[in-house]
Amino acid sequence: MNVLRALQATALCALLLAIAAPAAARAEGDTKPLEPTHQPMPPPEKPIYTTDYLFAITRSVTSSTLVPAAQVPLFLFTVPLDLAFLPVEAIAGFFPAH
């Protein structure tokens, strides 16, 4: 029975401490407003022109996981296609996808 009373008294003390702790912290007088330790970074500037579209087909073959021996014959198709679409690719650079 004494063990039960001791547990109840401990629980009551913990509850009172939990209730009184925030009030004691507020009464301490720390009224300085919180400020971030690091100032926020300004957003990055929007790019005016990007070269992501120039020779995009050839670049995708180069960065693919194909064996280099399989990439060489594909260059015979991708380079002329990229040259044919070069004016469109150059204009598309003014409209970045980011």
PDB file of N, CA and C in Angstrom:
ATOM      1  N   MET A   1       0.810  -1.183   0.000  1.00  0.00           N
ATOM      2  CA  MET A   1       0.000   0.000   0.000  1.00  0.00           C
ATOM      3  C   MET A   1       0.871   1.271   0.000  1.00  0.00           C
ATOM      4  N   ASN A   2       1.993   1.219   0.751  1.00  0.00           N
ATOM      5  CA  ASN A   2       2.880   2.368   0.802  1.00  0.00           C
ATOM      6  C   ASN A   2       3.546   2.619  -0.549  1.00  0.00           C
ATOM      7  N   VAL A   3       3.813   1.557  -1.284  1.00  0.00           N
ATOM      8  CA  VAL A   3       4.431   1.689  -2.609  1.00  0.00           C
ATOM      9  C   VAL A   3       3.472   2.409  -3.545  1.00  0.00           C
ATOM     10  N   LEU A   4       2.189   2.078  -3.441  1.00  0.00           N
ATOM     11  CA  LEU A   4       1.179   2.712  -4.279  1.00  0.00           C
ATOM     12  C   LEU A   4       1.068   4.197  -3.947  1.00  0.00           C
ATOM     13  N   ARG A   5       1.100   4.533  -2.654  1.00  0.00           N
ATOM     14  CA  ARG A   5       1.043   5.944  -2.253  1.00  0.00           C
ATOM     15  C   ARG A   5       2.296   6.697  -2.730  1.00  0.00           C
ATOM     16  N   ALA A   6       3.436   6.047  -2.692  1.00  0.00           N
ATOM     17  CA  ALA A   6       4.677   6.680  -3.149  1.00  0.00           C
ATOM     18  C   ALA A   6       4.619   6.935  -4.651  1.00  0.00           C
ATOM     19  N   LEU A   7       4.088   5.988  -5.418  1.00  0.00           N
ATOM     20  CA  LEU A   7       3.950   6.173  -6.861  1.00  0.00           C
ATOM     21  C   LEU A   7       2.962   7.293  -7.171  1.00  0.00           C
ATOM     22  N   GLN A   8       1.865   7.360  -6.407  1.00  0.00           N
ATOM     23  CA  GLN A   8       0.898   8.425  -6.618  1.00  0.00           C
ATOM     24  C   GLN A   8       1.505   9.783  -6.290  1.00  0.00           C
ATOM     25  N   ALA A   9       2.253   9.862  -5.225  1.00  0.00           N
ATOM     26  CA  ALA A   9       2.892  11.121  -4.839  1.00  0.00           C
ATOM     27  C   ALA A   9       3.927  11.544  -5.884  1.00  0.00           C
ATOM     28  N   THR A  10       4.682  10.582  -6.419  1.00  0.00           N
ATOM     29  CA  THR A  10       5.668  10.878  -7.460  1.00  0.00           C
ATOM     30  C   THR A  10       4.984  11.365  -8.726  1.00  0.00           C
ATOM     31  N   ALA A  11       3.903  10.707  -9.106  1.00  0.00           N
ATOM     32  CA  ALA A  11       3.153  11.116 -10.291  1.00  0.00           C
ATOM     33  C   ALA A  11       2.571  12.505 -10.102  1.00  0.00           C
ATOM     34  N   LEU A  12       2.044  12.811  -8.905  1.00  0.00           N
ATOM     35  CA  LEU A  12       1.471  14.118  -8.625  1.00  0.00           C
ATOM     36  C   LEU A  12       2.544  15.199  -8.681  1.00  0.00           C
ATOM     37  N   CYS A  13       3.720  14.913  -8.123  1.00  0.00           N
ATOM     38  CA  CYS A  13       4.834  15.874  -8.186  1.00  0.00           C
ATOM     39  C   CYS A  13       5.287  16.122  -9.628  1.00  0.00           C
ATOM     40  N   ALA A  14       5.363  15.061 -10.433  1.00  0.00           N
ATOM     41  CA  ALA A  14       5.762  15.208 -11.832  1.00  0.00           C
ATOM     42  C   ALA A  14       4.734  16.034 -12.595  1.00  0.00           C
ATOM     43  N   LEU A  15       3.449  15.819 -12.317  1.00  0.00           N
ATOM     44  CA  LEU A  15       2.391  16.581 -12.966  1.00  0.00           C
ATOM     45  C   LEU A  15       2.461  18.051 -12.582  1.00  0.00           C
ATOM     46  N   LEU A  16       2.655  18.337 -11.298  1.00  0.00           N
ATOM     47  CA  LEU A  16       2.777  19.722 -10.857  1.00  0.00           C
ATOM     48  C   LEU A  16       4.010  20.396 -11.454  1.00  0.00           C
ATOM     49  N   LEU A  17       5.108  19.670 -11.550  1.00  0.00           N
ATOM     50  CA  LEU A  17       6.325  20.213 -12.158  1.00  0.00           C
ATOM     51  C   LEU A  17       6.112  20.507 -13.640  1.00  0.00           C
ATOM     52  N   ALA A  18       5.397  19.618 -14.325  1.00  0.00           N
ATOM     53  CA  ALA A  18       5.126  19.829 -15.744  1.00  0.00           C
ATOM     54  C   ALA A  18       4.233  21.037 -15.966  1.00  0.00           C
ATOM     55  N   ILE A  19       3.332  21.295 -15.042  1.00  0.00           N
ATOM     56  CA  ILE A  19       2.443  22.441 -15.166  1.00  0.00           C
ATOM     57  C   ILE A  19       3.174  23.734 -14.800  1.00  0.00           C
ATOM     58  N   ALA A  20       4.036  23.690 -13.800  1.00  0.00           N
ATOM     59  CA  ALA A  20       4.694  24.896 -13.306  1.00  0.00           C
ATOM     60  C   ALA A  20       5.916  25.293 -14.121  1.00  0.00           C
ATOM     61  N   ALA A  21       6.545  24.377 -14.827  1.00  0.00           N
ATOM     62  CA  ALA A  21       7.784  24.671 -15.547  1.00  0.00           C
ATOM     63  C   ALA A  21       7.597  25.729 -16.639  1.00  0.00           C
ATOM     64  N   PRO A  22       6.563  25.658 -17.486  1.00  0.00           N
ATOM     65  CA  PRO A  22       6.413  26.712 -18.497  1.00  0.00           C
ATOM     66  C   PRO A  22       6.153  28.081 -17.888  1.00  0.00           C
ATOM     67  N   ALA A  23       5.404  28.125 -16.805  1.00  0.00           N
ATOM     68  CA  ALA A  23       5.141  29.409 -16.161  1.00  0.00           C
ATOM     69  C   ALA A  23       6.424  29.989 -15.579  1.00  0.00           C
ATOM     70  N   ALA A  24       7.264  29.166 -15.024  1.00  0.00           N
ATOM     71  CA  ALA A  24       8.531  29.641 -14.470  1.00  0.00           C
ATOM     72  C   ALA A  24       9.458  30.115 -15.582  1.00  0.00           C
ATOM     73  N   ALA A  25       9.446  29.452 -16.708  1.00  0.00           N
ATOM     74  CA  ALA A  25      10.295  29.864 -17.826  1.00  0.00           C
ATOM     75  C   ALA A  25       9.821  31.197 -18.388  1.00  0.00           C
ATOM     76  N   ARG A  26       8.502  31.405 -18.429  1.00  0.00           N
ATOM     77  CA  ARG A  26       7.970  32.662 -18.926  1.00  0.00           C
ATOM     78  C   ARG A  26       8.291  33.809 -17.964  1.00  0.00           C
ATOM     79  N   ALA A  27       8.290  33.532 -16.677  1.00  0.00           N
ATOM     80  CA  ALA A  27       8.532  34.563 -15.681  1.00  0.00           C
ATOM     81  C   ALA A  27       9.990  34.985 -15.632  1.00  0.00           C
ATOM     82  N   GLU A  28      10.857  34.251 -16.302  1.00  0.00           N
ATOM     83  CA  GLU A  28      12.275  34.556 -16.281  1.00  0.00           C
ATOM     84  C   GLU A  28      12.566  35.901 -16.923  1.00  0.00           C
ATOM     85  N   GLY A  29      11.739  36.334 -17.866  1.00  0.00           N
ATOM     86  CA  GLY A  29      11.901  37.656 -18.453  1.00  0.00           C
ATOM     87  C   GLY A  29      12.640  37.674 -19.770  1.00  0.00           C
ATOM     88  N   ASP A  30      12.777  36.589 -20.446  1.00  0.00           N
ATOM     89  CA  ASP A  30      13.449  36.548 -21.744  1.00  0.00           C
ATOM     90  C   ASP A  30      12.463  37.029 -22.802  1.00  0.00           C
ATOM     91  N   THR A  31      12.389  38.344 -22.992  1.00  0.00           N
ATOM     92  CA  THR A  31      11.410  38.913 -23.916  1.00  0.00           C
ATOM     93  C   THR A  31      12.018  39.280 -25.257  1.00  0.00           C
ATOM     94  N   LYS A  32      13.272  38.969 -25.479  1.00  0.00           N
ATOM     95  CA  LYS A  32      13.914  39.269 -26.754  1.00  0.00           C
ATOM     96  C   LYS A  32      13.284  38.413 -27.838  1.00  0.00           C
ATOM     97  N   PRO A  33      12.879  39.028 -28.951  1.00  0.00           N
ATOM     98  CA  PRO A  33      12.266  38.221 -30.016  1.00  0.00           C
ATOM     99  C   PRO A  33      13.293  37.295 -30.656  1.00  0.00           C
ATOM    100  N   LEU A  34      12.831  36.148 -31.066  1.00  0.00           N
ATOM    101  CA  LEU A  34      13.720  35.177 -31.698  1.00  0.00           C
ATOM    102  C   LEU A  34      14.075  35.629 -33.104  1.00  0.00           C
ATOM    103  N   GLU A  35      15.327  35.447 -33.466  1.00  0.00           N
ATOM    104  CA  GLU A  35      15.795  35.786 -34.806  1.00  0.00           C
ATOM    105  C   GLU A  35      16.516  34.573 -35.379  1.00  0.00           C
ATOM    106  N   PRO A  36      16.427  34.373 -36.678  1.00  0.00           N
ATOM    107  CA  PRO A  36      17.132  33.230 -37.267  1.00  0.00           C
ATOM    108  C   PRO A  36      18.639  33.412 -37.172  1.00  0.00           C
ATOM    109  N   THR A  37      19.347  32.308 -37.025  1.00  0.00           N
ATOM    110  CA  THR A  37      20.801  32.393 -36.941  1.00  0.00           C
ATOM    111  C   THR A  37      21.426  32.664 -38.309  1.00  0.00           C
ATOM    112  N   HIS A  38      20.755  32.247 -39.359  1.00  0.00           N
ATOM    113  CA  HIS A  38      21.230  32.502 -40.722  1.00  0.00           C
ATOM    114  C   HIS A  38      20.160  33.290 -41.447  1.00  0.00           C
ATOM    115  N   GLN A  39      20.576  34.309 -42.139  1.00  0.00           N
ATOM    116  CA  GLN A  39      19.615  35.082 -42.923  1.00  0.00           C
ATOM    117  C   GLN A  39      19.189  34.258 -44.132  1.00  0.00           C
ATOM    118  N   PRO A  40      17.920  34.350 -44.536  1.00  0.00           N
ATOM    119  CA  PRO A  40      17.470  33.552 -45.673  1.00  0.00           C
ATOM    120  C   PRO A  40      18.165  33.975 -46.961  1.00  0.00           C
ATOM    121  N   MET A  41      18.414  32.975 -47.796  1.00  0.00           N
ATOM    122  CA  MET A  41      19.071  33.238 -49.078  1.00  0.00           C
ATOM    123  C   MET A  41      18.062  33.848 -50.045  1.00  0.00           C
ATOM    124  N   PRO A  42      18.486  34.822 -50.825  1.00  0.00           N
ATOM    125  CA  PRO A  42      17.563  35.358 -51.832  1.00  0.00           C
ATOM    126  C   PRO A  42      17.324  34.304 -52.912  1.00  0.00           C
ATOM    127  N   PRO A  43      16.175  34.338 -53.542  1.00  0.00           N
ATOM    128  CA  PRO A  43      15.921  33.339 -54.577  1.00  0.00           C
ATOM    129  C   PRO A  43      16.887  33.527 -55.750  1.00  0.00           C
ATOM    130  N   PRO A  44      17.274  32.438 -56.404  1.00  0.00           N
ATOM    131  CA  PRO A  44      18.210  32.573 -57.521  1.00  0.00           C
ATOM    132  C   PRO A  44      17.559  33.338 -58.676  1.00  0.00           C
ATOM    133  N   GLU A  45      18.388  34.060 -59.386  1.00  0.00           N
ATOM    134  CA  GLU A  45      17.876  34.827 -60.519  1.00  0.00           C
ATOM    135  C   GLU A  45      17.433  33.882 -61.621  1.00  0.00           C
ATOM    136  N   LYS A  46      16.369  34.264 -62.287  1.00  0.00           N
ATOM    137  CA  LYS A  46      15.858  33.451 -63.378  1.00  0.00           C
ATOM    138  C   LYS A  46      16.821  33.571 -64.563  1.00  0.00           C
ATOM    139  N   PRO A  47      17.273  32.430 -65.099  1.00  0.00           N
ATOM    140  CA  PRO A  47      18.219  32.503 -66.218  1.00  0.00           C
ATOM    141  C   PRO A  47      17.549  33.089 -67.462  1.00  0.00           C
ATOM    142  N   ILE A  48      18.326  33.850 -68.210  1.00  0.00           N
ATOM    143  CA  ILE A  48      17.795  34.460 -69.426  1.00  0.00           C
ATOM    144  C   ILE A  48      17.897  33.484 -70.593  1.00  0.00           C
ATOM    145  N   TYR A  49      18.985  32.745 -70.634  1.00  0.00           N
ATOM    146  CA  TYR A  49      19.188  31.815 -71.745  1.00  0.00           C
ATOM    147  C   TYR A  49      19.828  30.547 -71.204  1.00  0.00           C
ATOM    148  N   THR A  50      19.414  29.413 -71.721  1.00  0.00           N
ATOM    149  CA  THR A  50      19.994  28.138 -71.326  1.00  0.00           C
ATOM    150  C   THR A  50      20.411  27.354 -72.571  1.00  0.00           C
ATOM    151  N   THR A  51      21.485  26.605 -72.430  1.00  0.00           N
ATOM    152  CA  THR A  51      21.972  25.796 -73.543  1.00  0.00           C
ATOM    153  C   THR A  51      21.550  24.342 -73.399  1.00  0.00           C
ATOM    154  N   ASP A  52      20.537  24.087 -72.575  1.00  0.00           N
ATOM    155  CA  ASP A  52      20.090  22.710 -72.368  1.00  0.00           C
ATOM    156  C   ASP A  52      19.522  22.089 -73.639  1.00  0.00           C
ATOM    157  N   TYR A  53      18.968  22.896 -74.514  1.00  0.00           N
ATOM    158  CA  TYR A  53      18.316  22.362 -75.718  1.00  0.00           C
ATOM    159  C   TYR A  53      19.279  22.184 -76.887  1.00  0.00           C
ATOM    160  N   LEU A  54      20.449  22.838 -76.842  1.00  0.00           N
ATOM    161  CA  LEU A  54      21.401  22.712 -77.945  1.00  0.00           C
ATOM    162  C   LEU A  54      22.006  21.317 -77.953  1.00  0.00           C
ATOM    163  N   PHE A  55      21.898  20.630 -79.076  1.00  0.00           N
ATOM    164  CA  PHE A  55      22.407  19.272 -79.262  1.00  0.00           C
ATOM    165  C   PHE A  55      21.906  18.344 -78.156  1.00  0.00           C
ATOM    166  N   ALA A  56      20.634  18.466 -77.835  1.00  0.00           N
ATOM    167  CA  ALA A  56      20.043  17.680 -76.744  1.00  0.00           C
ATOM    168  C   ALA A  56      19.980  16.195 -77.090  1.00  0.00           C
ATOM    169  N   ILE A  57      19.705  15.869 -78.339  1.00  0.00           N
ATOM    170  CA  ILE A  57      19.605  14.451 -78.721  1.00  0.00           C
ATOM    171  C   ILE A  57      20.985  13.796 -78.609  1.00  0.00           C
ATOM    172  N   THR A  58      21.995  14.472 -79.120  1.00  0.00           N
ATOM    173  CA  THR A  58      23.357  13.933 -79.047  1.00  0.00           C
ATOM    174  C   THR A  58      23.813  13.822 -77.592  1.00  0.00           C
ATOM    175  N   ARG A  59      23.483  14.823 -76.786  1.00  0.00           N
ATOM    176  CA  ARG A  59      23.860  14.782 -75.373  1.00  0.00           C
ATOM    177  C   ARG A  59      23.175  13.641 -74.636  1.00  0.00           C
ATOM    178  N   SER A  60      21.921  13.352 -75.001  1.00  0.00           N
ATOM    179  CA  SER A  60      21.223  12.258 -74.329  1.00  0.00           C
ATOM    180  C   SER A  60      21.826  10.906 -74.702  1.00  0.00           C
ATOM    181  N   VAL A  61      22.303  10.768 -75.942  1.00  0.00           N
ATOM    182  CA  VAL A  61      22.982   9.523 -76.317  1.00  0.00           C
ATOM    183  C   VAL A  61      24.304   9.407 -75.574  1.00  0.00           C
ATOM    184  N   THR A  62      25.011  10.509 -75.426  1.00  0.00           N
ATOM    185  CA  THR A  62      26.296  10.497 -74.736  1.00  0.00           C
ATOM    186  C   THR A  62      26.127  10.134 -73.260  1.00  0.00           C
ATOM    187  N   SER A  63      25.079  10.641 -72.628  1.00  0.00           N
ATOM    188  CA  SER A  63      24.883  10.369 -71.200  1.00  0.00           C
ATOM    189  C   SER A  63      24.076   9.099 -70.943  1.00  0.00           C
ATOM    190  N   SER A  64      23.728   8.363 -71.981  1.00  0.00           N
ATOM    191  CA  SER A  64      22.960   7.134 -71.792  1.00  0.00           C
ATOM    192  C   SER A  64      23.862   6.011 -71.274  1.00  0.00           C
ATOM    193  N   THR A  65      23.232   4.902 -70.936  1.00  0.00           N
ATOM    194  CA  THR A  65      23.992   3.762 -70.417  1.00  0.00           C
ATOM    195  C   THR A  65      24.373   2.769 -71.507  1.00  0.00           C
ATOM    196  N   LEU A  66      24.254   3.212 -72.737  1.00  0.00           N
ATOM    197  CA  LEU A  66      24.651   2.334 -73.847  1.00  0.00           C
ATOM    198  C   LEU A  66      26.158   2.114 -73.853  1.00  0.00           C
ATOM    199  N   VAL A  67      26.543   0.993 -74.366  1.00  0.00           N
ATOM    200  CA  VAL A  67      27.966   0.695 -74.544  1.00  0.00           C
ATOM    201  C   VAL A  67      28.520   1.698 -75.563  1.00  0.00           C
ATOM    202  N   PRO A  68      29.719   2.245 -75.335  1.00  0.00           N
ATOM    203  CA  PRO A  68      30.266   3.225 -76.277  1.00  0.00           C
ATOM    204  C   PRO A  68      30.308   2.733 -77.725  1.00  0.00           C
ATOM    205  N   ALA A  69      30.475   1.457 -77.922  1.00  0.00           N
ATOM    206  CA  ALA A  69      30.479   0.934 -79.294  1.00  0.00           C
ATOM    207  C   ALA A  69      29.096   1.053 -79.936  1.00  0.00           C
ATOM    208  N   ALA A  70      28.044   1.058 -79.136  1.00  0.00           N
ATOM    209  CA  ALA A  70      26.700   1.223 -79.677  1.00  0.00           C
ATOM    210  C   ALA A  70      26.349   2.695 -79.845  1.00  0.00           C
ATOM    211  N   GLN A  71      27.039   3.578 -79.141  1.00  0.00           N
ATOM    212  CA  GLN A  71      26.766   5.008 -79.257  1.00  0.00           C
ATOM    213  C   GLN A  71      27.283   5.590 -80.564  1.00  0.00           C
ATOM    214  N   VAL A  72      28.400   5.086 -81.060  1.00  0.00           N
ATOM    215  CA  VAL A  72      29.022   5.647 -82.259  1.00  0.00           C
ATOM    216  C   VAL A  72      28.084   5.600 -83.468  1.00  0.00           C
ATOM    217  N   PRO A  73      27.430   4.487 -83.779  1.00  0.00           N
ATOM    218  CA  PRO A  73      26.515   4.520 -84.931  1.00  0.00           C
ATOM    219  C   PRO A  73      25.316   5.453 -84.708  1.00  0.00           C
ATOM    220  N   LEU A  74      24.900   5.627 -83.462  1.00  0.00           N
ATOM    221  CA  LEU A  74      23.781   6.535 -83.197  1.00  0.00           C
ATOM    222  C   LEU A  74      24.155   7.985 -83.458  1.00  0.00           C
ATOM    223  N   PHE A  75      25.434   8.312 -83.308  1.00  0.00           N
ATOM    224  CA  PHE A  75      25.862   9.678 -83.598  1.00  0.00           C
ATOM    225  C   PHE A  75      25.648  10.030 -85.065  1.00  0.00           C
ATOM    226  N   LEU A  76      25.685   9.039 -85.938  1.00  0.00           N
ATOM    227  CA  LEU A  76      25.443   9.299 -87.360  1.00  0.00           C
ATOM    228  C   LEU A  76      24.017   9.798 -87.602  1.00  0.00           C
ATOM    229  N   PHE A  77      23.103   9.485 -86.709  1.00  0.00           N
ATOM    230  CA  PHE A  77      21.724   9.960 -86.831  1.00  0.00           C
ATOM    231  C   PHE A  77      21.465  11.202 -85.977  1.00  0.00           C
ATOM    232  N   THR A  78      22.054  11.245 -84.787  1.00  0.00           N
ATOM    233  CA  THR A  78      21.716  12.328 -83.864  1.00  0.00           C
ATOM    234  C   THR A  78      22.364  13.660 -84.235  1.00  0.00           C
ATOM    235  N   VAL A  79      23.596  13.637 -84.701  1.00  0.00           N
ATOM    236  CA  VAL A  79      24.268  14.896 -85.038  1.00  0.00           C
ATOM    237  C   VAL A  79      23.565  15.593 -86.200  1.00  0.00           C
ATOM    238  N   PRO A  80      23.230  14.916 -87.315  1.00  0.00           N
ATOM    239  CA  PRO A  80      22.484  15.619 -88.372  1.00  0.00           C
ATOM    240  C   PRO A  80      21.101  16.108 -87.910  1.00  0.00           C
ATOM    241  N   LEU A  81      20.438  15.334 -87.060  1.00  0.00           N
ATOM    242  CA  LEU A  81      19.143  15.785 -86.547  1.00  0.00           C
ATOM    243  C   LEU A  81      19.307  17.036 -85.687  1.00  0.00           C
ATOM    244  N   ASP A  82      20.320  17.048 -84.845  1.00  0.00           N
ATOM    245  CA  ASP A  82      20.553  18.227 -84.016  1.00  0.00           C
ATOM    246  C   ASP A  82      20.950  19.431 -84.868  1.00  0.00           C
ATOM    247  N   LEU A  83      21.703  19.211 -85.918  1.00  0.00           N
ATOM    248  CA  LEU A  83      22.052  20.317 -86.810  1.00  0.00           C
ATOM    249  C   LEU A  83      20.821  20.835 -87.547  1.00  0.00           C
ATOM    250  N   ALA A  84      19.913  19.932 -87.930  1.00  0.00           N
ATOM    251  CA  ALA A  84      18.698  20.358 -88.620  1.00  0.00           C
ATOM    252  C   ALA A  84      17.789  21.161 -87.692  1.00  0.00           C
ATOM    253  N   PHE A  85      17.740  20.770 -86.427  1.00  0.00           N
ATOM    254  CA  PHE A  85      16.880  21.460 -85.469  1.00  0.00           C
ATOM    255  C   PHE A  85      17.602  22.567 -84.702  1.00  0.00           C
ATOM    256  N   LEU A  86      18.823  22.895 -85.102  1.00  0.00           N
ATOM    257  CA  LEU A  86      19.608  23.888 -84.383  1.00  0.00           C
ATOM    258  C   LEU A  86      18.909  25.242 -84.269  1.00  0.00           C
ATOM    259  N   PRO A  87      18.267  25.767 -85.320  1.00  0.00           N
ATOM    260  CA  PRO A  87      17.577  27.058 -85.136  1.00  0.00           C
ATOM    261  C   PRO A  87      16.456  26.975 -84.081  1.00  0.00           C
ATOM    262  N   VAL A  88      15.708  25.882 -84.084  1.00  0.00           N
ATOM    263  CA  VAL A  88      14.632  25.720 -83.110  1.00  0.00           C
ATOM    264  C   VAL A  88      15.229  25.569 -81.716  1.00  0.00           C
ATOM    265  N   GLU A  89      16.319  24.810 -81.598  1.00  0.00           N
ATOM    266  CA  GLU A  89      16.970  24.623 -80.303  1.00  0.00           C
ATOM    267  C   GLU A  89      17.526  25.935 -79.776  1.00  0.00           C
ATOM    268  N   ALA A  90      18.060  26.763 -80.670  1.00  0.00           N
ATOM    269  CA  ALA A  90      18.623  28.050 -80.248  1.00  0.00           C
ATOM    270  C   ALA A  90      17.522  28.976 -79.751  1.00  0.00           C
ATOM    271  N   ILE A  91      16.370  28.975 -80.391  1.00  0.00           N
ATOM    272  CA  ILE A  91      15.243  29.798 -79.933  1.00  0.00           C
ATOM    273  C   ILE A  91      14.672  29.255 -78.637  1.00  0.00           C
ATOM    274  N   ALA A  92      14.621  27.931 -78.504  1.00  0.00           N
ATOM    275  CA  ALA A  92      14.065  27.322 -77.296  1.00  0.00           C
ATOM    276  C   ALA A  92      14.898  27.641 -76.067  1.00  0.00           C
ATOM    277  N   GLY A  93      16.156  28.012 -76.244  1.00  0.00           N
ATOM    278  CA  GLY A  93      17.012  28.379 -75.122  1.00  0.00           C
ATOM    279  C   GLY A  93      16.531  29.620 -74.386  1.00  0.00           C
ATOM    280  N   PHE A  94      15.712  30.458 -75.046  1.00  0.00           N
ATOM    281  CA  PHE A  94      15.174  31.643 -74.392  1.00  0.00           C
ATOM    282  C   PHE A  94      14.001  31.306 -73.461  1.00  0.00           C
ATOM    283  N   PHE A  95      13.532  30.088 -73.500  1.00  0.00           N
ATOM    284  CA  PHE A  95      12.408  29.649 -72.663  1.00  0.00           C
ATOM    285  C   PHE A  95      12.879  28.528 -71.755  1.00  0.00           C
ATOM    286  N   PRO A  96      13.638  28.854 -70.703  1.00  0.00           N
ATOM    287  CA  PRO A  96      14.165  27.800 -69.825  1.00  0.00           C
ATOM    288  C   PRO A  96      13.041  27.066 -69.096  1.00  0.00           C
ATOM    289  N   ALA A  97      13.240  25.786 -68.880  1.00  0.00           N
ATOM    290  CA  ALA A  97      12.227  24.956 -68.226  1.00  0.00           C
ATOM    291  C   ALA A  97      12.315  25.046 -66.716  1.00  0.00           C
ATOM    292  N   HIS A  98      13.266  25.729 -66.149  1.00  0.00           N
ATOM    293  CA  HIS A  98      13.460  25.773 -64.696  1.00  0.00           C
ATOM    294  C   HIS A  98      12.549  26.781 -64.083  1.00  0.00           C
TER     295      HIS A  98
END
